[in-house]
Amino acid sequence: MKHDYGAVASELESLLDLDVPPLAITFSDGAPGGVPTFDEPMSEPAEDGRRGRVPASCVFWMRGTERTFTTVPEDHGNCSVGRMTHGFAKLSDVAGNSDVAAFLESGWVGMDDVPKIPVVSRGYGHVTYGPLPETPLDPDVVFLRLTPKQLMILNDAIPEMSLEGKPQCHIIAMAKEQKVVAASIGCMLSRVRTEMGSHEVTCAIPGPSLEDVLGRLRRAESIDSTVATYAARDKRRFR
């Protein structure tokens, strides 16, 4: 491990005034030593055979703020979209599933859109989630849940940040594979399954880019503080 991730998490929380602590997400072929497996029960299978330990991979973002755990591909099996974006399945593997049919029939996505969705390039044996200060490995992705103001601050620091829509989970693949900072306004599928707040958006930061992101946030905070001071002083004329 290269960083003091406790210090990194503390600075991220301070610079962005985060309401939810940063999450570490790491892909690996083997199980990381000393990390417990996610142990919630497997669901009953859907009519098309889908089953998993949570409704969708994005639900692990919520569970991972509470404790560190590792998952295997089968744990992610209920959401065909999440299986694809995480590299556990190809379109041909899930095309006949009822959730895919529902998304296509509703017009939520079109068949032409599906091949354009970013995905992790290959299937790994494990994906580990947990609070950033506790990560046992250098994370592939640092995941943030943000308010619009916090996203504004991050965009001030990283104006080239990619702003994405549905499906929300593909920003994980973008950060891991393309090494770009990617934010998402969310998607209805994920918001319902995670019960994420309507005031929240998300962002995925490539783990190797953390130092650069922190440096740029420090500069942006100084500039925003100067502008805020000016705006507050100028506003007094209208009282």
C-alpha atoms as a PDB file:
ATOM      1  CA  MET A   1       0.000   0.000   0.000  1.00  0.00           C
ATOM      2  CA  LYS A   2       1.375   3.377  -1.023  1.00  0.00           C
ATOM      3  CA  HIS A   3      -0.803   5.796   0.920  1.00  0.00           C
ATOM      4  CA  ASP A   4      -2.098   6.538   4.371  1.00  0.00           C
ATOM      5  CA  TYR A   5      -5.695   6.051   3.289  1.00  0.00           C
ATOM      6  CA  GLY A   6      -6.995   7.279   6.615  1.00  0.00           C
ATOM      7  CA  ALA A   7      -5.358  10.643   5.963  1.00  0.00           C
ATOM      8  CA  VAL A   8      -6.554  10.637   2.344  1.00  0.00           C
ATOM      9  CA  ALA A   9     -10.136   9.940   3.422  1.00  0.00           C
ATOM     10  CA  SER A  10      -9.973  12.619   6.108  1.00  0.00           C
ATOM     11  CA  GLU A  11      -8.767  15.223   3.637  1.00  0.00           C
ATOM     12  CA  LEU A  12     -11.389  14.279   1.051  1.00  0.00           C
ATOM     13  CA  GLU A  13     -14.089  14.591   3.697  1.00  0.00           C
ATOM     14  CA  SER A  14     -12.743  17.967   4.786  1.00  0.00           C
ATOM     15  CA  LEU A  15     -12.225  19.468   1.314  1.00  0.00           C
ATOM     16  CA  LEU A  16     -15.633  18.378   0.051  1.00  0.00           C
ATOM     17  CA  ASP A  17     -17.506  18.494   3.382  1.00  0.00           C
ATOM     18  CA  LEU A  18     -18.758  14.982   2.674  1.00  0.00           C
ATOM     19  CA  ASP A  19     -21.865  13.629   4.347  1.00  0.00           C
ATOM     20  CA  VAL A  20     -20.944  10.010   3.479  1.00  0.00           C
ATOM     21  CA  PRO A  21     -17.368   8.698   3.941  1.00  0.00           C
ATOM     22  CA  PRO A  22     -15.374   7.680   0.830  1.00  0.00           C
ATOM     23  CA  LEU A  23     -15.643   4.054  -0.242  1.00  0.00           C
ATOM     24  CA  ALA A  24     -12.794   1.881  -1.542  1.00  0.00           C
ATOM     25  CA  ILE A  25     -13.599  -0.575  -4.350  1.00  0.00           C
ATOM     26  CA  THR A  26     -10.992  -3.098  -5.447  1.00  0.00           C
ATOM     27  CA  PHE A  27     -11.086  -5.860  -8.073  1.00  0.00           C
ATOM     28  CA  SER A  28      -8.867  -8.919  -7.560  1.00  0.00           C
ATOM     29  CA  ASP A  29      -8.553 -12.482  -8.762  1.00  0.00           C
ATOM     30  CA  GLY A  30      -8.012 -13.895  -5.289  1.00  0.00           C
ATOM     31  CA  ALA A  31      -9.686 -13.129  -2.003  1.00  0.00           C
ATOM     32  CA  PRO A  32      -7.786 -10.482  -0.022  1.00  0.00           C
ATOM     33  CA  GLY A  33      -6.340 -11.900   3.163  1.00  0.00           C
ATOM     34  CA  GLY A  34      -8.272 -11.334   6.347  1.00  0.00           C
ATOM     35  CA  VAL A  35     -11.313  -9.795   4.657  1.00  0.00           C
ATOM     36  CA  PRO A  36     -14.661 -11.443   5.426  1.00  0.00           C
ATOM     37  CA  THR A  37     -16.965 -12.475   2.631  1.00  0.00           C
ATOM     38  CA  PHE A  38     -20.311 -10.750   2.236  1.00  0.00           C
ATOM     39  CA  ASP A  39     -22.603 -13.040   4.146  1.00  0.00           C
ATOM     40  CA  GLU A  40     -26.189 -11.918   3.610  1.00  0.00           C
ATOM     41  CA  PRO A  41     -28.333 -14.794   2.293  1.00  0.00           C
ATOM     42  CA  MET A  42     -28.694 -15.524  -1.399  1.00  0.00           C
ATOM     43  CA  SER A  43     -32.102 -14.566  -2.783  1.00  0.00           C
ATOM     44  CA  GLU A  44     -34.634 -16.970  -4.174  1.00  0.00           C
ATOM     45  CA  PRO A  45     -34.159 -17.192  -7.957  1.00  0.00           C
ATOM     46  CA  ALA A  46     -36.301 -15.067 -10.256  1.00  0.00           C
ATOM     47  CA  GLU A  47     -38.234 -16.842 -13.025  1.00  0.00           C
ATOM     48  CA  ASP A  48     -35.287 -16.331 -15.378  1.00  0.00           C
ATOM     49  CA  GLY A  49     -32.836 -17.731 -12.809  1.00  0.00           C
ATOM     50  CA  ARG A  50     -31.356 -14.443 -11.594  1.00  0.00           C
ATOM     51  CA  ARG A  51     -30.308 -14.439  -7.966  1.00  0.00           C
ATOM     52  CA  GLY A  52     -27.830 -12.598  -5.788  1.00  0.00           C
ATOM     53  CA  ARG A  53     -27.115 -11.474  -2.256  1.00  0.00           C
ATOM     54  CA  VAL A  54     -28.392  -7.943  -2.942  1.00  0.00           C
ATOM     55  CA  PRO A  55     -30.761  -6.506  -5.579  1.00  0.00           C
ATOM     56  CA  ALA A  56     -27.878  -5.028  -7.616  1.00  0.00           C
ATOM     57  CA  SER A  57     -24.135  -4.393  -7.487  1.00  0.00           C
ATOM     58  CA  CYS A  58     -24.782  -0.743  -6.604  1.00  0.00           C
ATOM     59  CA  VAL A  59     -26.288  -1.839  -3.273  1.00  0.00           C
ATOM     60  CA  PHE A  60     -22.788  -2.858  -2.190  1.00  0.00           C
ATOM     61  CA  TRP A  61     -21.915   0.868  -2.270  1.00  0.00           C
ATOM     62  CA  MET A  62     -24.342   1.373   0.592  1.00  0.00           C
ATOM     63  CA  ARG A  63     -23.285  -1.686   2.594  1.00  0.00           C
ATOM     64  CA  GLY A  64     -19.606  -0.843   2.141  1.00  0.00           C
ATOM     65  CA  THR A  65     -19.852   2.356   4.174  1.00  0.00           C
ATOM     66  CA  GLU A  66     -20.546   0.185   7.230  1.00  0.00           C
ATOM     67  CA  ARG A  67     -17.784  -2.437   7.019  1.00  0.00           C
ATOM     68  CA  THR A  68     -15.192  -4.010   4.725  1.00  0.00           C
ATOM     69  CA  PHE A  69     -16.124  -7.201   2.886  1.00  0.00           C
ATOM     70  CA  THR A  70     -15.367  -9.045  -0.327  1.00  0.00           C
ATOM     71  CA  THR A  71     -17.824 -10.361  -2.901  1.00  0.00           C
ATOM     72  CA  VAL A  72     -17.737 -13.001  -5.625  1.00  0.00           C
ATOM     73  CA  PRO A  73     -19.464 -12.803  -9.026  1.00  0.00           C
ATOM     74  CA  GLU A  74     -22.454 -14.858  -7.883  1.00  0.00           C
ATOM     75  CA  ASP A  75     -23.248 -12.232  -5.245  1.00  0.00           C
ATOM     76  CA  HIS A  76     -23.899  -9.726  -8.045  1.00  0.00           C
ATOM     77  CA  GLY A  77     -26.153 -12.047 -10.024  1.00  0.00           C
ATOM     78  CA  ASN A  78     -29.537 -10.382  -9.639  1.00  0.00           C
ATOM     79  CA  CYS A  79     -28.940  -7.306 -11.825  1.00  0.00           C
ATOM     80  CA  SER A  80     -28.013  -8.055 -15.420  1.00  0.00           C
ATOM     81  CA  VAL A  81     -26.809  -4.481 -15.981  1.00  0.00           C
ATOM     82  CA  GLY A  82     -24.465  -4.613 -12.998  1.00  0.00           C
ATOM     83  CA  ARG A  83     -23.141  -8.001 -14.080  1.00  0.00           C
ATOM     84  CA  MET A  84     -22.228  -6.496 -17.444  1.00  0.00           C
ATOM     85  CA  THR A  85     -20.629  -3.300 -16.171  1.00  0.00           C
ATOM     86  CA  HIS A  86     -18.558  -5.243 -13.621  1.00  0.00           C
ATOM     87  CA  GLY A  87     -17.243  -7.644 -16.259  1.00  0.00           C
ATOM     88  CA  PHE A  88     -19.109 -10.697 -14.978  1.00  0.00           C
ATOM     89  CA  ALA A  89     -21.276 -11.186 -18.080  1.00  0.00           C
ATOM     90  CA  LYS A  90     -21.559 -10.208 -21.720  1.00  0.00           C
ATOM     91  CA  LEU A  91     -24.734  -9.020 -23.413  1.00  0.00           C
ATOM     92  CA  SER A  92     -25.168 -12.452 -24.968  1.00  0.00           C
ATOM     93  CA  ASP A  93     -25.214 -13.962 -21.457  1.00  0.00           C
ATOM     94  CA  VAL A  94     -28.016 -11.735 -20.163  1.00  0.00           C
ATOM     95  CA  ALA A  95     -29.988 -10.739 -23.264  1.00  0.00           C
ATOM     96  CA  GLY A  96     -32.770 -13.204 -22.472  1.00  0.00           C
ATOM     97  CA  ASN A  97     -33.240 -12.091 -18.869  1.00  0.00           C
ATOM     98  CA  SER A  98     -36.498 -10.524 -17.801  1.00  0.00           C
ATOM     99  CA  ASP A  99     -34.891  -7.411 -16.335  1.00  0.00           C
ATOM    100  CA  VAL A 100     -33.155  -6.676 -19.642  1.00  0.00           C
ATOM    101  CA  ALA A 101     -36.445  -7.199 -21.474  1.00  0.00           C
ATOM    102  CA  ALA A 102     -38.197  -4.789 -19.089  1.00  0.00           C
ATOM    103  CA  PHE A 103     -35.587  -2.083 -19.606  1.00  0.00           C
ATOM    104  CA  LEU A 104     -35.719  -2.414 -23.391  1.00  0.00           C
ATOM    105  CA  GLU A 105     -39.504  -2.622 -23.644  1.00  0.00           C
ATOM    106  CA  SER A 106     -39.961   0.460 -21.469  1.00  0.00           C
ATOM    107  CA  GLY A 107     -37.567   2.496 -23.603  1.00  0.00           C
ATOM    108  CA  TRP A 108     -35.270   3.069 -20.618  1.00  0.00           C
ATOM    109  CA  VAL A 109     -32.408   2.012 -22.906  1.00  0.00           C
ATOM    110  CA  GLY A 110     -32.293   0.956 -26.529  1.00  0.00           C
ATOM    111  CA  MET A 111     -30.505  -2.089 -27.860  1.00  0.00           C
ATOM    112  CA  ASP A 112     -28.166   0.228 -29.769  1.00  0.00           C
ATOM    113  CA  ASP A 113     -27.175   1.865 -26.476  1.00  0.00           C
ATOM    114  CA  VAL A 114     -26.113  -1.311 -24.710  1.00  0.00           C
ATOM    115  CA  PRO A 115     -22.814  -1.945 -26.548  1.00  0.00           C
ATOM    116  CA  LYS A 116     -21.733   1.625 -25.727  1.00  0.00           C
ATOM    117  CA  ILE A 117     -21.988   1.136 -21.954  1.00  0.00           C
ATOM    118  CA  PRO A 118     -18.495   1.092 -20.367  1.00  0.00           C
ATOM    119  CA  VAL A 119     -17.636  -2.218 -18.710  1.00  0.00           C
ATOM    120  CA  VAL A 120     -14.768  -3.719 -16.735  1.00  0.00           C
ATOM    121  CA  SER A 121     -12.663  -5.494 -19.337  1.00  0.00           C
ATOM    122  CA  ARG A 122     -12.669  -8.913 -17.686  1.00  0.00           C
ATOM    123  CA  GLY A 123     -14.307 -10.776 -14.867  1.00  0.00           C
ATOM    124  CA  TYR A 124     -12.413 -10.856 -11.570  1.00  0.00           C
ATOM    125  CA  GLY A 125     -12.901 -13.409  -8.834  1.00  0.00           C
ATOM    126  CA  HIS A 126     -13.577 -10.802  -6.148  1.00  0.00           C
ATOM    127  CA  VAL A 127     -14.707  -7.222  -5.665  1.00  0.00           C
ATOM    128  CA  THR A 128     -13.932  -5.775  -2.239  1.00  0.00           C
ATOM    129  CA  TYR A 129     -15.805  -2.858  -0.687  1.00  0.00           C
ATOM    130  CA  GLY A 130     -15.266  -0.906   2.491  1.00  0.00           C
ATOM    131  CA  PRO A 131     -14.502   2.448   4.109  1.00  0.00           C
ATOM    132  CA  LEU A 132     -11.414   3.971   2.495  1.00  0.00           C
ATOM    133  CA  PRO A 133      -9.399   4.214   5.757  1.00  0.00           C
ATOM    134  CA  GLU A 134      -9.781   0.447   6.261  1.00  0.00           C
ATOM    135  CA  THR A 135      -8.863  -0.722   2.754  1.00  0.00           C
ATOM    136  CA  PRO A 136      -6.481  -3.709   2.817  1.00  0.00           C
ATOM    137  CA  LEU A 137      -5.420  -3.025  -0.779  1.00  0.00           C
ATOM    138  CA  ASP A 138      -4.679  -0.045  -2.998  1.00  0.00           C
ATOM    139  CA  PRO A 139      -8.176   0.610  -4.342  1.00  0.00           C
ATOM    140  CA  ASP A 140      -8.973   0.609  -8.033  1.00  0.00           C
ATOM    141  CA  VAL A 141     -11.769   3.104  -7.428  1.00  0.00           C
ATOM    142  CA  VAL A 142     -12.656   5.555  -4.686  1.00  0.00           C
ATOM    143  CA  PHE A 143     -16.388   6.086  -4.720  1.00  0.00           C
ATOM    144  CA  LEU A 144     -18.113   9.209  -3.415  1.00  0.00           C
ATOM    145  CA  ARG A 145     -21.729  10.084  -2.738  1.00  0.00           C
ATOM    146  CA  LEU A 146     -22.115  13.809  -3.232  1.00  0.00           C
ATOM    147  CA  THR A 147     -24.593  16.650  -3.000  1.00  0.00           C
ATOM    148  CA  PRO A 148     -24.842  18.989  -6.010  1.00  0.00           C
ATOM    149  CA  LYS A 149     -22.711  21.566  -4.184  1.00  0.00           C
ATOM    150  CA  GLN A 150     -20.013  18.989  -3.481  1.00  0.00           C
ATOM    151  CA  LEU A 151     -20.105  17.945  -7.134  1.00  0.00           C
ATOM    152  CA  MET A 152     -19.719  21.625  -8.076  1.00  0.00           C
ATOM    153  CA  ILE A 153     -16.564  21.865  -5.964  1.00  0.00           C
ATOM    154  CA  LEU A 154     -15.153  18.692  -7.489  1.00  0.00           C
ATOM    155  CA  ASN A 155     -15.965  19.950 -10.988  1.00  0.00           C
ATOM    156  CA  ASP A 156     -14.172  23.218 -10.212  1.00  0.00           C
ATOM    157  CA  ALA A 157     -11.103  21.136  -9.389  1.00  0.00           C
ATOM    158  CA  ILE A 158     -11.478  18.702 -12.290  1.00  0.00           C
ATOM    159  CA  PRO A 159     -13.322  20.450 -15.135  1.00  0.00           C
ATOM    160  CA  GLU A 160     -12.600  17.561 -17.500  1.00  0.00           C
ATOM    161  CA  MET A 161     -14.543  15.213 -15.233  1.00  0.00           C
ATOM    162  CA  SER A 162     -17.042  13.123 -17.182  1.00  0.00           C
ATOM    163  CA  LEU A 163     -20.691  13.617 -16.197  1.00  0.00           C
ATOM    164  CA  GLU A 164     -22.728  10.492 -16.907  1.00  0.00           C
ATOM    165  CA  GLY A 165     -26.283   9.234 -16.649  1.00  0.00           C
ATOM    166  CA  LYS A 166     -27.700   5.729 -16.799  1.00  0.00           C
ATOM    167  CA  PRO A 167     -26.795   3.145 -15.814  1.00  0.00           C
ATOM    168  CA  GLN A 168     -25.167   4.636 -12.759  1.00  0.00           C
ATOM    169  CA  CYS A 169     -22.803   1.708 -12.165  1.00  0.00           C
ATOM    170  CA  HIS A 170     -20.832   2.209 -15.365  1.00  0.00           C
ATOM    171  CA  ILE A 171     -18.817   5.006 -13.747  1.00  0.00           C
ATOM    172  CA  ILE A 172     -16.999   2.255 -11.815  1.00  0.00           C
ATOM    173  CA  ALA A 173     -15.813   0.776 -15.108  1.00  0.00           C
ATOM    174  CA  MET A 174     -14.862   4.222 -16.434  1.00  0.00           C
ATOM    175  CA  ALA A 175     -12.685   4.970 -13.417  1.00  0.00           C
ATOM    176  CA  LYS A 176     -11.068   1.542 -13.398  1.00  0.00           C
ATOM    177  CA  GLU A 177     -10.544   0.994 -17.113  1.00  0.00           C
ATOM    178  CA  GLN A 178     -10.295   4.501 -18.586  1.00  0.00           C
ATOM    179  CA  LYS A 179      -8.634   6.090 -15.533  1.00  0.00           C
ATOM    180  CA  VAL A 180     -10.979   9.072 -15.652  1.00  0.00           C
ATOM    181  CA  VAL A 181     -12.891  10.781 -12.872  1.00  0.00           C
ATOM    182  CA  ALA A 182     -16.530  10.075 -13.690  1.00  0.00           C
ATOM    183  CA  ALA A 183     -19.636  11.400 -11.948  1.00  0.00           C
ATOM    184  CA  SER A 184     -23.207  10.251 -12.432  1.00  0.00           C
ATOM    185  CA  ILE A 185     -26.497  12.037 -11.939  1.00  0.00           C
ATOM    186  CA  GLY A 186     -27.812   8.568 -11.144  1.00  0.00           C
ATOM    187  CA  CYS A 187     -30.401   6.308 -12.715  1.00  0.00           C
ATOM    188  CA  MET A 188     -33.867   5.281 -11.595  1.00  0.00           C
ATOM    189  CA  LEU A 189     -32.905   1.611 -11.469  1.00  0.00           C
ATOM    190  CA  SER A 190     -30.095   2.273  -9.018  1.00  0.00           C
ATOM    191  CA  ARG A 191     -31.943   4.885  -6.965  1.00  0.00           C
ATOM    192  CA  VAL A 192     -34.802   2.487  -6.273  1.00  0.00           C
ATOM    193  CA  ARG A 193     -32.558  -0.482  -5.503  1.00  0.00           C
ATOM    194  CA  THR A 194     -30.113   1.419  -3.276  1.00  0.00           C
ATOM    195  CA  GLU A 195     -32.638   3.841  -1.770  1.00  0.00           C
ATOM    196  CA  MET A 196     -29.977   6.502  -2.297  1.00  0.00           C
ATOM    197  CA  GLY A 197     -31.199   9.972  -1.351  1.00  0.00           C
ATOM    198  CA  SER A 198     -32.775  12.082  -4.064  1.00  0.00           C
ATOM    199  CA  HIS A 199     -30.308  14.851  -3.178  1.00  0.00           C
ATOM    200  CA  GLU A 200     -27.304  12.598  -3.902  1.00  0.00           C
ATOM    201  CA  VAL A 201     -25.191  12.062  -6.997  1.00  0.00           C
ATOM    202  CA  THR A 202     -22.132   9.818  -7.262  1.00  0.00           C
ATOM    203  CA  CYS A 203     -18.534   9.980  -8.427  1.00  0.00           C
ATOM    204  CA  ALA A 204     -15.840   7.384  -9.112  1.00  0.00           C
ATOM    205  CA  ILE A 205     -12.188   8.405  -8.831  1.00  0.00           C
ATOM    206  CA  PRO A 206      -9.394   6.139 -10.124  1.00  0.00           C
ATOM    207  CA  GLY A 207      -7.346   5.025  -7.132  1.00  0.00           C
ATOM    208  CA  PRO A 208      -4.016   5.933  -8.791  1.00  0.00           C
ATOM    209  CA  SER A 209      -5.304   9.508  -9.333  1.00  0.00           C
ATOM    210  CA  LEU A 210      -6.032  10.264  -5.671  1.00  0.00           C
ATOM    211  CA  GLU A 211      -2.962  12.427  -5.048  1.00  0.00           C
ATOM    212  CA  ASP A 212      -3.601  14.492  -8.156  1.00  0.00           C
ATOM    213  CA  VAL A 213      -7.288  14.915  -7.264  1.00  0.00           C
ATOM    214  CA  LEU A 214      -6.425  16.028  -3.722  1.00  0.00           C
ATOM    215  CA  GLY A 215      -3.908  18.573  -5.000  1.00  0.00           C
ATOM    216  CA  ARG A 216      -6.415  20.016  -7.409  1.00  0.00           C
ATOM    217  CA  LEU A 217      -9.110  20.113  -4.736  1.00  0.00           C
ATOM    218  CA  ARG A 218      -6.813  22.083  -2.448  1.00  0.00           C
ATOM    219  CA  ARG A 219      -6.307  24.722  -5.141  1.00  0.00           C
ATOM    220  CA  ALA A 220     -10.021  24.823  -5.990  1.00  0.00           C
ATOM    221  CA  GLU A 221     -10.956  25.221  -2.315  1.00  0.00           C
ATOM    222  CA  SER A 222      -8.700  28.251  -2.002  1.00  0.00           C
ATOM    223  CA  ILE A 223     -10.233  29.862  -5.085  1.00  0.00           C
ATOM    224  CA  ASP A 224     -13.809  29.062  -4.039  1.00  0.00           C
ATOM    225  CA  SER A 225     -13.134  30.472  -0.560  1.00  0.00           C
ATOM    226  CA  THR A 226     -11.923  33.738  -2.088  1.00  0.00           C
ATOM    227  CA  VAL A 227     -14.989  33.960  -4.344  1.00  0.00           C
ATOM    228  CA  ALA A 228     -17.366  33.107  -1.475  1.00  0.00           C
ATOM    229  CA  THR A 229     -15.842  35.846   0.689  1.00  0.00           C
ATOM    230  CA  TYR A 230     -16.252  38.388  -2.106  1.00  0.00           C
ATOM    231  CA  ALA A 231     -19.841  37.313  -2.850  1.00  0.00           C
ATOM    232  CA  ALA A 232     -20.850  37.473   0.813  1.00  0.00           C
ATOM    233  CA  ARG A 233     -19.357  40.953   1.190  1.00  0.00           C
ATOM    234  CA  ASP A 234     -20.968  42.192  -2.018  1.00  0.00           C
ATOM    235  CA  LYS A 235     -24.373  40.785  -1.019  1.00  0.00           C
ATOM    236  CA  ARG A 236     -24.490  43.002   2.075  1.00  0.00           C
ATOM    237  CA  ARG A 237     -25.391  45.962  -0.135  1.00  0.00           C
ATOM    238  CA  PHE A 238     -28.819  44.375  -0.721  1.00  0.00           C
ATOM    239  CA  ARG A 239     -29.884  44.038   2.896  1.00  0.00           C
END
